[in-house]
Amino acid sequence: MKFFDNEVKLPLVYESQAQNESLPQWFEQNQSDVRQQLLAHGAVLFRNFAINDLRSFDGFVSVALGQVAAYVGGATPRKQLSKKIATSTEFPPDQEIKLHNELSYEINMPDVVIFCCLQPPQTGGQTQIVDVQKVLSHIDPEIVAEFKAKNGWKLIRNFGGGFGPTIKAGFGTEDLEAIKLDCQNRQIDFELVKPKHVRTTQVRKAIHNHPLSGDELWLNHVAFWHTSSLPQAYFDYMSATFSLNEFPYLTLFGDGSTIPDAYIDNIRQAYEQCEVCFDWQMGDVLLVDNYRVAHGRKPFTGERKVVVTMGDMPEHA
């Protein structure tokens, strides 16, 4: 486990030396510098500022984000705490949430994700982060070339198929005409399998260019949702019950061909070789460039309250 590694420099840490210093005020005064450091490092941690509850974090979000993004197309359970803030993914504490860039499968993904720790866990519970530019450099070049040659990656999702989210949970409505229009706007193919079962298919690039720096990035959910990433008991059950196209989610090459398990193993190793962890402290705020840096969550014990928001920073510095 690495803690503020001097070589990786992820995240860069701004630690207040003053008592009860306002993070919103400090951020407004230093926004240009923070933006430069976020672009250079990919993640910035604010520590020892006067952030101690949902209201104080909400005040920072109002300054830091010009536009808060809705969790459109999201696939993990979370509770909305305010108009801007939600709980982080509510998976069982003994399970790790693997590294991913938020909503990487959407055509309009949020530029930044912001986490705030309002209750550190007793043990574990780190939000591991990783620079996906470095991840790309650690993946076998032949695998990268194959994703480029095969039109990126394809994601198939099933809603209401008997295992996984319902149509209402996935789209916020059961109005099929509204869902069709929503899918069209998000460049997703829609299929009504049966009255309460919708299947969607979307093809996306596996490698993206950062919108500001132009750097190539490994930016996708290919490994996160690959069948080999499922716990063995889940995979065995679903394989006995459903065809692959009926799984709650399935990733393939963009041309529809199968991604070998060995490729996913190589990709996972690349993530693991580059990931960085730090222990949360009360009031910590982590600002993440969602294009440059993927995040996850380690297993934990005790009560853990890390809340999150996402969106785009104001256009002006």
C-alpha atoms as a PDB file:
ATOM      1  CA  MET A   1       0.000   0.000   0.000  1.00  0.00           C
ATOM      2  CA  LYS A   2       1.336   3.424  -0.937  1.00  0.00           C
ATOM      3  CA  PHE A   3       0.670   6.619   0.996  1.00  0.00           C
ATOM      4  CA  PHE A   4       1.215   9.856  -0.919  1.00  0.00           C
ATOM      5  CA  ASP A   5       4.046   8.243  -2.877  1.00  0.00           C
ATOM      6  CA  ASN A   6       6.687  10.816  -3.783  1.00  0.00           C
ATOM      7  CA  GLU A   7       7.152   9.320  -7.228  1.00  0.00           C
ATOM      8  CA  VAL A   8       3.485   8.819  -8.049  1.00  0.00           C
ATOM      9  CA  LYS A   9       2.368  12.087  -6.388  1.00  0.00           C
ATOM     10  CA  LEU A  10      -1.211  10.852  -6.338  1.00  0.00           C
ATOM     11  CA  PRO A  11      -3.073  12.466  -4.754  1.00  0.00           C
ATOM     12  CA  LEU A  12      -1.440  15.844  -4.357  1.00  0.00           C
ATOM     13  CA  VAL A  13      -2.238  17.065  -0.812  1.00  0.00           C
ATOM     14  CA  TYR A  14      -3.269  20.544   0.265  1.00  0.00           C
ATOM     15  CA  GLU A  15      -3.244  20.519   4.083  1.00  0.00           C
ATOM     16  CA  SER A  16      -4.552  23.532   5.970  1.00  0.00           C
ATOM     17  CA  GLN A  17      -2.314  24.850   8.728  1.00  0.00           C
ATOM     18  CA  ALA A  18      -4.947  27.271  10.039  1.00  0.00           C
ATOM     19  CA  GLN A  19      -7.715  26.506  12.492  1.00  0.00           C
ATOM     20  CA  ASN A  20     -11.224  26.174  10.987  1.00  0.00           C
ATOM     21  CA  GLU A  21     -10.099  27.408   7.570  1.00  0.00           C
ATOM     22  CA  SER A  22     -12.963  27.569   5.061  1.00  0.00           C
ATOM     23  CA  LEU A  23     -12.360  25.268   2.104  1.00  0.00           C
ATOM     24  CA  PRO A  24     -14.850  27.100  -0.184  1.00  0.00           C
ATOM     25  CA  GLN A  25     -13.109  30.435   0.446  1.00  0.00           C
ATOM     26  CA  TRP A  26      -9.637  28.948   0.101  1.00  0.00           C
ATOM     27  CA  PHE A  27     -10.656  27.176  -3.109  1.00  0.00           C
ATOM     28  CA  GLU A  28     -12.065  30.350  -4.667  1.00  0.00           C
ATOM     29  CA  GLN A  29      -8.780  32.141  -3.959  1.00  0.00           C
ATOM     30  CA  ASN A  30      -6.586  29.291  -5.225  1.00  0.00           C
ATOM     31  CA  GLN A  31      -8.766  27.779  -7.934  1.00  0.00           C
ATOM     32  CA  SER A  32      -6.354  28.411 -10.794  1.00  0.00           C
ATOM     33  CA  ASP A  33      -3.507  26.648  -8.991  1.00  0.00           C
ATOM     34  CA  VAL A  34      -5.749  23.726  -8.006  1.00  0.00           C
ATOM     35  CA  ARG A  35      -6.882  23.281 -11.604  1.00  0.00           C
ATOM     36  CA  GLN A  36      -3.275  23.172 -12.790  1.00  0.00           C
ATOM     37  CA  GLN A  37      -2.356  20.614 -10.142  1.00  0.00           C
ATOM     38  CA  LEU A  38      -5.444  18.516 -10.893  1.00  0.00           C
ATOM     39  CA  LEU A  39      -4.446  18.399 -14.555  1.00  0.00           C
ATOM     40  CA  ALA A  40      -0.851  17.519 -13.638  1.00  0.00           C
ATOM     41  CA  HIS A  41      -1.605  14.870 -10.990  1.00  0.00           C
ATOM     42  CA  GLY A  42      -5.180  13.700 -11.582  1.00  0.00           C
ATOM     43  CA  ALA A  43      -6.334  13.889  -7.945  1.00  0.00           C
ATOM     44  CA  VAL A  44      -6.116  16.482  -5.175  1.00  0.00           C
ATOM     45  CA  LEU A  45      -6.783  15.848  -1.474  1.00  0.00           C
ATOM     46  CA  PHE A  46      -7.859  18.696   0.831  1.00  0.00           C
ATOM     47  CA  ARG A  47      -7.116  17.925   4.492  1.00  0.00           C
ATOM     48  CA  ASN A  48      -7.693  19.715   7.820  1.00  0.00           C
ATOM     49  CA  PHE A  49     -10.128  22.267   6.419  1.00  0.00           C
ATOM     50  CA  ALA A  50     -13.405  23.049   8.199  1.00  0.00           C
ATOM     51  CA  ILE A  51     -15.416  20.266   6.558  1.00  0.00           C
ATOM     52  CA  ASN A  52     -17.306  18.339   9.216  1.00  0.00           C
ATOM     53  CA  ASP A  53     -20.812  17.645   7.945  1.00  0.00           C
ATOM     54  CA  LEU A  54     -22.984  17.401   4.844  1.00  0.00           C
ATOM     55  CA  ARG A  55     -23.767  21.123   4.883  1.00  0.00           C
ATOM     56  CA  SER A  56     -20.131  22.237   4.883  1.00  0.00           C
ATOM     57  CA  PHE A  57     -19.308  19.806   2.068  1.00  0.00           C
ATOM     58  CA  ASP A  58     -22.319  21.064   0.125  1.00  0.00           C
ATOM     59  CA  GLY A  59     -20.893  24.575   0.445  1.00  0.00           C
ATOM     60  CA  PHE A  60     -17.635  23.442  -1.157  1.00  0.00           C
ATOM     61  CA  VAL A  61     -19.476  21.611  -3.945  1.00  0.00           C
ATOM     62  CA  SER A  62     -21.399  24.804  -4.777  1.00  0.00           C
ATOM     63  CA  VAL A  63     -18.078  26.561  -5.397  1.00  0.00           C
ATOM     64  CA  ALA A  64     -16.134  23.710  -7.016  1.00  0.00           C
ATOM     65  CA  LEU A  65     -18.746  22.474  -9.494  1.00  0.00           C
ATOM     66  CA  GLY A  66     -20.382  24.568 -12.176  1.00  0.00           C
ATOM     67  CA  GLN A  67     -22.714  21.729 -13.143  1.00  0.00           C
ATOM     68  CA  VAL A  68     -23.666  18.728 -11.007  1.00  0.00           C
ATOM     69  CA  ALA A  69     -24.172  15.577 -13.058  1.00  0.00           C
ATOM     70  CA  ALA A  70     -27.108  13.234 -12.513  1.00  0.00           C
ATOM     71  CA  TYR A  71     -26.249   9.569 -12.000  1.00  0.00           C
ATOM     72  CA  VAL A  72     -27.733   8.710 -15.404  1.00  0.00           C
ATOM     73  CA  GLY A  73     -26.962   5.154 -16.428  1.00  0.00           C
ATOM     74  CA  GLY A  74     -25.542   4.361 -13.012  1.00  0.00           C
ATOM     75  CA  ALA A  75     -25.498   0.748 -11.959  1.00  0.00           C
ATOM     76  CA  THR A  76     -24.695   0.660  -8.255  1.00  0.00           C
ATOM     77  CA  PRO A  77     -26.890   1.276  -5.185  1.00  0.00           C
ATOM     78  CA  ARG A  78     -26.605   4.665  -3.501  1.00  0.00           C
ATOM     79  CA  LYS A  79     -28.899   7.098  -1.682  1.00  0.00           C
ATOM     80  CA  GLN A  80     -29.440  10.712  -2.674  1.00  0.00           C
ATOM     81  CA  LEU A  81     -28.740  12.888   0.394  1.00  0.00           C
ATOM     82  CA  SER A  82     -29.338  16.287  -1.209  1.00  0.00           C
ATOM     83  CA  LYS A  83     -29.726  17.754  -4.682  1.00  0.00           C
ATOM     84  CA  LYS A  84     -25.962  17.579  -5.152  1.00  0.00           C
ATOM     85  CA  ILE A  85     -24.688  14.812  -2.875  1.00  0.00           C
ATOM     86  CA  ALA A  86     -25.234  11.063  -2.581  1.00  0.00           C
ATOM     87  CA  THR A  87     -23.778   8.210  -0.597  1.00  0.00           C
ATOM     88  CA  SER A  88     -20.908   6.406  -2.245  1.00  0.00           C
ATOM     89  CA  THR A  89     -21.724   2.942  -3.598  1.00  0.00           C
ATOM     90  CA  GLU A  90     -23.430   0.879  -0.915  1.00  0.00           C
ATOM     91  CA  PHE A  91     -21.829  -2.517  -1.462  1.00  0.00           C
ATOM     92  CA  PRO A  92     -21.331  -4.897   1.494  1.00  0.00           C
ATOM     93  CA  PRO A  93     -18.297  -3.807   3.548  1.00  0.00           C
ATOM     94  CA  ASP A  94     -16.461  -7.116   3.067  1.00  0.00           C
ATOM     95  CA  GLN A  95     -16.394  -6.655  -0.727  1.00  0.00           C
ATOM     96  CA  GLU A  96     -13.919  -4.594  -2.734  1.00  0.00           C
ATOM     97  CA  ILE A  97     -15.253  -2.250  -5.395  1.00  0.00           C
ATOM     98  CA  LYS A  98     -12.883  -2.559  -8.330  1.00  0.00           C
ATOM     99  CA  LEU A  99     -11.255   0.402 -10.025  1.00  0.00           C
ATOM    100  CA  HIS A 100     -13.346   2.290 -12.579  1.00  0.00           C
ATOM    101  CA  ASN A 101     -13.862   5.747 -14.061  1.00  0.00           C
ATOM    102  CA  GLU A 102     -17.349   6.968 -13.195  1.00  0.00           C
ATOM    103  CA  LEU A 103     -19.872   6.434 -16.026  1.00  0.00           C
ATOM    104  CA  SER A 104     -17.114   5.694 -18.554  1.00  0.00           C
ATOM    105  CA  TYR A 105     -19.720   3.978 -20.756  1.00  0.00           C
ATOM    106  CA  GLU A 106     -21.746   7.184 -21.205  1.00  0.00           C
ATOM    107  CA  ILE A 107     -21.105   9.617 -24.054  1.00  0.00           C
ATOM    108  CA  ASN A 108     -21.193  12.506 -21.577  1.00  0.00           C
ATOM    109  CA  MET A 109     -19.297  11.382 -18.493  1.00  0.00           C
ATOM    110  CA  PRO A 110     -18.653  13.807 -15.599  1.00  0.00           C
ATOM    111  CA  ASP A 111     -15.334  15.643 -15.684  1.00  0.00           C
ATOM    112  CA  VAL A 112     -14.691  15.333 -11.962  1.00  0.00           C
ATOM    113  CA  VAL A 113     -15.805  13.246  -8.982  1.00  0.00           C
ATOM    114  CA  ILE A 114     -15.573  14.650  -5.448  1.00  0.00           C
ATOM    115  CA  PHE A 115     -15.543  12.485  -2.323  1.00  0.00           C
ATOM    116  CA  CYS A 116     -15.852  13.627   1.287  1.00  0.00           C
ATOM    117  CA  CYS A 117     -15.201  11.552   4.397  1.00  0.00           C
ATOM    118  CA  LEU A 118     -17.706  12.293   7.174  1.00  0.00           C
ATOM    119  CA  GLN A 119     -16.888   9.128   9.136  1.00  0.00           C
ATOM    120  CA  PRO A 120     -13.670   7.134   8.662  1.00  0.00           C
ATOM    121  CA  PRO A 121     -14.048   3.360   9.046  1.00  0.00           C
ATOM    122  CA  GLN A 122     -12.442   1.459  11.889  1.00  0.00           C
ATOM    123  CA  THR A 123     -10.143  -0.380   9.473  1.00  0.00           C
ATOM    124  CA  GLY A 124      -9.684  -0.426   5.697  1.00  0.00           C
ATOM    125  CA  GLY A 125     -12.201   1.351   3.475  1.00  0.00           C
ATOM    126  CA  GLN A 126      -9.600   3.261   1.476  1.00  0.00           C
ATOM    127  CA  THR A 127     -10.704   4.796  -1.816  1.00  0.00           C
ATOM    128  CA  GLN A 128      -7.954   3.401  -4.006  1.00  0.00           C
ATOM    129  CA  ILE A 129      -7.100   5.518  -7.044  1.00  0.00           C
ATOM    130  CA  VAL A 130      -5.056   4.945 -10.176  1.00  0.00           C
ATOM    131  CA  ASP A 131      -3.754   7.023 -13.073  1.00  0.00           C
ATOM    132  CA  VAL A 132      -5.271   5.402 -16.177  1.00  0.00           C
ATOM    133  CA  GLN A 133      -2.611   6.936 -18.403  1.00  0.00           C
ATOM    134  CA  LYS A 134      -0.121   4.764 -16.500  1.00  0.00           C
ATOM    135  CA  VAL A 135      -2.507   1.802 -16.587  1.00  0.00           C
ATOM    136  CA  LEU A 136      -2.516   2.019 -20.387  1.00  0.00           C
ATOM    137  CA  SER A 137       1.290   1.853 -20.450  1.00  0.00           C
ATOM    138  CA  HIS A 138       1.218  -1.348 -18.342  1.00  0.00           C
ATOM    139  CA  ILE A 139      -1.258  -3.246 -20.536  1.00  0.00           C
ATOM    140  CA  ASP A 140       0.202  -5.604 -23.147  1.00  0.00           C
ATOM    141  CA  PRO A 141       0.500  -3.526 -26.368  1.00  0.00           C
ATOM    142  CA  GLU A 142      -1.018  -6.382 -28.387  1.00  0.00           C
ATOM    143  CA  ILE A 143      -4.155  -6.217 -26.239  1.00  0.00           C
ATOM    144  CA  VAL A 144      -4.382  -2.451 -26.676  1.00  0.00           C
ATOM    145  CA  ALA A 145      -3.953  -2.847 -30.445  1.00  0.00           C
ATOM    146  CA  GLU A 146      -6.737  -5.436 -30.562  1.00  0.00           C
ATOM    147  CA  PHE A 147      -9.180  -3.120 -28.798  1.00  0.00           C
ATOM    148  CA  LYS A 148      -8.347  -0.405 -31.309  1.00  0.00           C
ATOM    149  CA  ALA A 149      -8.735  -2.801 -34.253  1.00  0.00           C
ATOM    150  CA  LYS A 150     -12.033  -4.232 -32.979  1.00  0.00           C
ATOM    151  CA  ASN A 151     -13.864  -0.947 -32.516  1.00  0.00           C
ATOM    152  CA  GLY A 152     -13.340  -0.602 -28.779  1.00  0.00           C
ATOM    153  CA  TRP A 153     -15.708  -2.437 -26.464  1.00  0.00           C
ATOM    154  CA  LYS A 154     -19.370  -3.350 -26.290  1.00  0.00           C
ATOM    155  CA  LEU A 155     -21.551  -3.284 -23.174  1.00  0.00           C
ATOM    156  CA  ILE A 156     -24.770  -5.299 -22.993  1.00  0.00           C
ATOM    157  CA  ARG A 157     -27.079  -4.685 -20.018  1.00  0.00           C
ATOM    158  CA  ASN A 158     -30.355  -6.318 -19.002  1.00  0.00           C
ATOM    159  CA  PHE A 159     -33.005  -4.600 -16.907  1.00  0.00           C
ATOM    160  CA  GLY A 160     -35.835  -6.672 -15.458  1.00  0.00           C
ATOM    161  CA  GLY A 161     -34.354  -9.934 -16.676  1.00  0.00           C
ATOM    162  CA  GLY A 162     -34.620 -11.680 -13.320  1.00  0.00           C
ATOM    163  CA  PHE A 163     -31.179 -10.843 -11.936  1.00  0.00           C
ATOM    164  CA  GLY A 164     -29.924  -7.296 -11.650  1.00  0.00           C
ATOM    165  CA  PRO A 165     -31.751  -3.946 -11.775  1.00  0.00           C
ATOM    166  CA  THR A 166     -35.391  -3.489 -12.749  1.00  0.00           C
ATOM    167  CA  ILE A 167     -36.398  -1.176 -15.595  1.00  0.00           C
ATOM    168  CA  LYS A 168     -37.508   1.458 -13.059  1.00  0.00           C
ATOM    169  CA  ALA A 169     -34.218   1.223 -11.173  1.00  0.00           C
ATOM    170  CA  GLY A 170     -32.201   1.538 -14.370  1.00  0.00           C
ATOM    171  CA  PHE A 171     -34.087   4.384 -16.020  1.00  0.00           C
ATOM    172  CA  GLY A 172     -36.175   6.037 -13.289  1.00  0.00           C
ATOM    173  CA  THR A 173     -39.340   5.240 -15.226  1.00  0.00           C
ATOM    174  CA  GLU A 174     -41.222   2.351 -16.833  1.00  0.00           C
ATOM    175  CA  ASP A 175     -42.456   4.500 -19.739  1.00  0.00           C
ATOM    176  CA  LEU A 176     -40.959   2.603 -22.689  1.00  0.00           C
ATOM    177  CA  GLU A 177     -41.283   5.509 -25.119  1.00  0.00           C
ATOM    178  CA  ALA A 178     -39.407   7.771 -22.714  1.00  0.00           C
ATOM    179  CA  ILE A 179     -36.749   5.087 -22.269  1.00  0.00           C
ATOM    180  CA  LYS A 180     -36.357   4.689 -26.042  1.00  0.00           C
ATOM    181  CA  LEU A 181     -35.835   8.432 -26.435  1.00  0.00           C
ATOM    182  CA  ASP A 182     -33.386   8.467 -23.528  1.00  0.00           C
ATOM    183  CA  CYS A 183     -31.376   5.648 -25.110  1.00  0.00           C
ATOM    184  CA  GLN A 184     -31.370   7.402 -28.469  1.00  0.00           C
ATOM    185  CA  ASN A 185     -30.003  10.580 -26.883  1.00  0.00           C
ATOM    186  CA  ARG A 186     -27.272   8.551 -25.131  1.00  0.00           C
ATOM    187  CA  GLN A 187     -26.382   6.568 -28.301  1.00  0.00           C
ATOM    188  CA  ILE A 188     -27.593   3.272 -26.844  1.00  0.00           C
ATOM    189  CA  ASP A 189     -29.467   0.558 -28.747  1.00  0.00           C
ATOM    190  CA  PHE A 190     -32.760  -0.406 -27.092  1.00  0.00           C
ATOM    191  CA  GLU A 191     -34.471  -3.804 -27.267  1.00  0.00           C
ATOM    192  CA  LEU A 192     -37.705  -4.807 -25.575  1.00  0.00           C
ATOM    193  CA  VAL A 193     -37.121  -8.498 -24.892  1.00  0.00           C
ATOM    194  CA  LYS A 194     -40.495  -8.939 -23.163  1.00  0.00           C
ATOM    195  CA  PRO A 195     -42.940  -6.571 -21.400  1.00  0.00           C
ATOM    196  CA  LYS A 196     -40.809  -6.042 -18.278  1.00  0.00           C
ATOM    197  CA  HIS A 197     -37.384  -6.871 -19.713  1.00  0.00           C
ATOM    198  CA  VAL A 198     -35.268  -4.309 -21.571  1.00  0.00           C
ATOM    199  CA  ARG A 199     -31.846  -4.990 -23.095  1.00  0.00           C
ATOM    200  CA  THR A 200     -29.461  -2.201 -24.058  1.00  0.00           C
ATOM    201  CA  THR A 201     -26.288  -2.310 -26.130  1.00  0.00           C
ATOM    202  CA  GLN A 202     -23.680   0.379 -26.489  1.00  0.00           C
ATOM    203  CA  VAL A 203     -20.286   0.468 -28.196  1.00  0.00           C
ATOM    204  CA  ARG A 204     -17.607   2.790 -26.876  1.00  0.00           C
ATOM    205  CA  LYS A 205     -13.906   3.446 -27.375  1.00  0.00           C
ATOM    206  CA  ALA A 206     -11.608   1.658 -24.934  1.00  0.00           C
ATOM    207  CA  ILE A 207      -8.879   4.298 -25.222  1.00  0.00           C
ATOM    208  CA  HIS A 208      -9.803   7.985 -24.950  1.00  0.00           C
ATOM    209  CA  ASN A 209      -7.876  11.226 -25.168  1.00  0.00           C
ATOM    210  CA  HIS A 210      -7.996  13.559 -22.200  1.00  0.00           C
ATOM    211  CA  PRO A 211     -10.151  16.576 -23.174  1.00  0.00           C
ATOM    212  CA  LEU A 212      -7.518  19.053 -21.951  1.00  0.00           C
ATOM    213  CA  SER A 213      -4.101  17.390 -22.180  1.00  0.00           C
ATOM    214  CA  GLY A 214      -4.841  15.104 -25.142  1.00  0.00           C
ATOM    215  CA  ASP A 215      -3.061  12.207 -23.366  1.00  0.00           C
ATOM    216  CA  GLU A 216      -4.211   8.667 -24.218  1.00  0.00           C
ATOM    217  CA  LEU A 217      -6.077   7.001 -21.368  1.00  0.00           C
ATOM    218  CA  TRP A 218      -7.367   3.481 -20.636  1.00  0.00           C
ATOM    219  CA  LEU A 219     -10.931   4.621 -19.963  1.00  0.00           C
ATOM    220  CA  ASN A 220     -13.680   1.985 -19.851  1.00  0.00           C
ATOM    221  CA  HIS A 221     -15.542  -0.594 -17.741  1.00  0.00           C
ATOM    222  CA  VAL A 222     -14.202  -3.558 -19.723  1.00  0.00           C
ATOM    223  CA  ALA A 223     -12.676  -5.432 -16.776  1.00  0.00           C
ATOM    224  CA  PHE A 224     -15.129  -4.115 -14.193  1.00  0.00           C
ATOM    225  CA  TRP A 225     -18.105  -5.791 -15.910  1.00  0.00           C
ATOM    226  CA  HIS A 226     -16.396  -8.739 -17.602  1.00  0.00           C
ATOM    227  CA  THR A 227     -17.867 -12.128 -16.669  1.00  0.00           C
ATOM    228  CA  SER A 228     -14.533 -13.242 -15.200  1.00  0.00           C
ATOM    229  CA  SER A 229     -14.834 -10.449 -12.603  1.00  0.00           C
ATOM    230  CA  LEU A 230     -17.943 -12.017 -11.072  1.00  0.00           C
ATOM    231  CA  PRO A 231     -17.585 -14.032  -7.851  1.00  0.00           C
ATOM    232  CA  GLN A 232     -17.446 -17.690  -8.874  1.00  0.00           C
ATOM    233  CA  ALA A 233     -20.710 -18.573  -7.105  1.00  0.00           C
ATOM    234  CA  TYR A 234     -22.550 -15.778  -8.946  1.00  0.00           C
ATOM    235  CA  PHE A 235     -21.072 -16.779 -12.290  1.00  0.00           C
ATOM    236  CA  ASP A 236     -21.982 -20.447 -11.793  1.00  0.00           C
ATOM    237  CA  TYR A 237     -25.560 -19.558 -10.846  1.00  0.00           C
ATOM    238  CA  MET A 238     -26.102 -17.152 -13.725  1.00  0.00           C
ATOM    239  CA  SER A 239     -24.455 -19.495 -16.253  1.00  0.00           C
ATOM    240  CA  ALA A 240     -26.874 -22.234 -15.214  1.00  0.00           C
ATOM    241  CA  THR A 241     -29.866 -19.865 -15.455  1.00  0.00           C
ATOM    242  CA  PHE A 242     -29.157 -17.396 -18.262  1.00  0.00           C
ATOM    243  CA  SER A 243     -27.404 -17.156 -21.609  1.00  0.00           C
ATOM    244  CA  LEU A 244     -24.496 -14.688 -21.685  1.00  0.00           C
ATOM    245  CA  ASN A 245     -26.682 -12.073 -23.415  1.00  0.00           C
ATOM    246  CA  GLU A 246     -29.118 -12.335 -20.499  1.00  0.00           C
ATOM    247  CA  PHE A 247     -26.514 -11.561 -17.807  1.00  0.00           C
ATOM    248  CA  PRO A 248     -27.168  -8.228 -16.022  1.00  0.00           C
ATOM    249  CA  TYR A 249     -24.072  -6.924 -17.800  1.00  0.00           C
ATOM    250  CA  LEU A 250     -21.616  -8.290 -20.338  1.00  0.00           C
ATOM    251  CA  THR A 251     -18.531  -6.778 -21.977  1.00  0.00           C
ATOM    252  CA  LEU A 252     -17.222  -7.782 -25.401  1.00  0.00           C
ATOM    253  CA  PHE A 253     -14.971  -6.317 -28.061  1.00  0.00           C
ATOM    254  CA  GLY A 254     -16.722  -3.603 -30.031  1.00  0.00           C
ATOM    255  CA  ASP A 255     -17.242  -5.995 -32.942  1.00  0.00           C
ATOM    256  CA  GLY A 256     -19.099  -8.411 -30.669  1.00  0.00           C
ATOM    257  CA  SER A 257     -16.316 -10.983 -30.275  1.00  0.00           C
ATOM    258  CA  THR A 258     -15.328 -12.420 -26.898  1.00  0.00           C
ATOM    259  CA  ILE A 259     -12.629 -10.784 -24.777  1.00  0.00           C
ATOM    260  CA  PRO A 260     -10.415 -13.617 -23.462  1.00  0.00           C
ATOM    261  CA  ASP A 261     -10.103 -13.994 -19.707  1.00  0.00           C
ATOM    262  CA  ALA A 262      -6.317 -13.777 -20.085  1.00  0.00           C
ATOM    263  CA  TYR A 263      -6.693 -10.263 -21.521  1.00  0.00           C
ATOM    264  CA  ILE A 264      -8.766  -9.203 -18.519  1.00  0.00           C
ATOM    265  CA  ASP A 265      -6.173 -10.712 -16.168  1.00  0.00           C
ATOM    266  CA  ASN A 266      -3.509  -8.567 -17.835  1.00  0.00           C
ATOM    267  CA  ILE A 267      -5.688  -5.460 -17.509  1.00  0.00           C
ATOM    268  CA  ARG A 268      -6.396  -6.169 -13.833  1.00  0.00           C
ATOM    269  CA  GLN A 269      -2.672  -6.557 -13.180  1.00  0.00           C
ATOM    270  CA  ALA A 270      -2.050  -3.190 -14.829  1.00  0.00           C
ATOM    271  CA  TYR A 271      -4.559  -1.539 -12.494  1.00  0.00           C
ATOM    272  CA  GLU A 272      -3.059  -3.269  -9.453  1.00  0.00           C
ATOM    273  CA  GLN A 273       0.508  -2.283 -10.368  1.00  0.00           C
ATOM    274  CA  CYS A 274      -0.439   1.388 -10.548  1.00  0.00           C
ATOM    275  CA  GLU A 275      -3.011   1.828  -7.764  1.00  0.00           C
ATOM    276  CA  VAL A 276      -2.420   4.099  -4.771  1.00  0.00           C
ATOM    277  CA  CYS A 277      -4.217   4.018  -1.406  1.00  0.00           C
ATOM    278  CA  PHE A 278      -4.518   6.396   1.506  1.00  0.00           C
ATOM    279  CA  ASP A 279      -6.434   6.206   4.784  1.00  0.00           C
ATOM    280  CA  TRP A 280      -9.391   8.557   5.108  1.00  0.00           C
ATOM    281  CA  GLN A 281      -9.417  11.163   7.881  1.00  0.00           C
ATOM    282  CA  MET A 282     -12.511  12.991   9.086  1.00  0.00           C
ATOM    283  CA  GLY A 283     -13.236  15.966   6.824  1.00  0.00           C
ATOM    284  CA  ASP A 284     -11.001  14.854   3.948  1.00  0.00           C
ATOM    285  CA  VAL A 285     -12.192  15.991   0.509  1.00  0.00           C
ATOM    286  CA  LEU A 286     -10.819  14.261  -2.596  1.00  0.00           C
ATOM    287  CA  LEU A 287     -11.163  15.948  -5.991  1.00  0.00           C
ATOM    288  CA  VAL A 288     -10.647  13.473  -8.839  1.00  0.00           C
ATOM    289  CA  ASP A 289     -10.178  14.093 -12.561  1.00  0.00           C
ATOM    290  CA  ASN A 290     -12.622  11.433 -13.774  1.00  0.00           C
ATOM    291  CA  TYR A 291     -10.875  11.078 -17.135  1.00  0.00           C
ATOM    292  CA  ARG A 292      -7.376  10.694 -15.732  1.00  0.00           C
ATOM    293  CA  VAL A 293      -8.005   8.754 -12.519  1.00  0.00           C
ATOM    294  CA  ALA A 294     -10.085   5.658 -11.727  1.00  0.00           C
ATOM    295  CA  HIS A 295     -11.289   4.900  -8.204  1.00  0.00           C
ATOM    296  CA  GLY A 296     -12.570   1.992  -6.132  1.00  0.00           C
ATOM    297  CA  ARG A 297     -13.092   0.991  -2.510  1.00  0.00           C
ATOM    298  CA  LYS A 298     -11.310  -1.438  -0.236  1.00  0.00           C
ATOM    299  CA  PRO A 299     -13.203  -3.668   2.261  1.00  0.00           C
ATOM    300  CA  PHE A 300     -13.675  -2.164   5.715  1.00  0.00           C
ATOM    301  CA  THR A 301     -14.897  -2.676   9.252  1.00  0.00           C
ATOM    302  CA  GLY A 302     -16.871  -0.278  11.416  1.00  0.00           C
ATOM    303  CA  GLU A 303     -19.087   2.555  10.257  1.00  0.00           C
ATOM    304  CA  ARG A 304     -17.895   4.344   7.114  1.00  0.00           C
ATOM    305  CA  LYS A 305     -19.542   7.434   5.657  1.00  0.00           C
ATOM    306  CA  VAL A 306     -17.987   8.713   2.451  1.00  0.00           C
ATOM    307  CA  VAL A 307     -20.305  10.847   0.337  1.00  0.00           C
ATOM    308  CA  VAL A 308     -19.868  11.816  -3.290  1.00  0.00           C
ATOM    309  CA  THR A 309     -20.874  14.190  -6.038  1.00  0.00           C
ATOM    310  CA  MET A 310     -19.841  14.496  -9.665  1.00  0.00           C
ATOM    311  CA  GLY A 311     -20.067  16.958 -12.517  1.00  0.00           C
ATOM    312  CA  ASP A 312     -18.115  19.631 -14.357  1.00  0.00           C
ATOM    313  CA  MET A 313     -16.017  22.429 -12.911  1.00  0.00           C
ATOM    314  CA  PRO A 314     -16.878  26.043 -13.817  1.00  0.00           C
ATOM    315  CA  GLU A 315     -15.502  27.143 -17.182  1.00  0.00           C
ATOM    316  CA  HIS A 316     -13.671  30.117 -15.677  1.00  0.00           C
ATOM    317  CA  ALA A 317     -10.657  29.611 -13.437  1.00  0.00           C
END
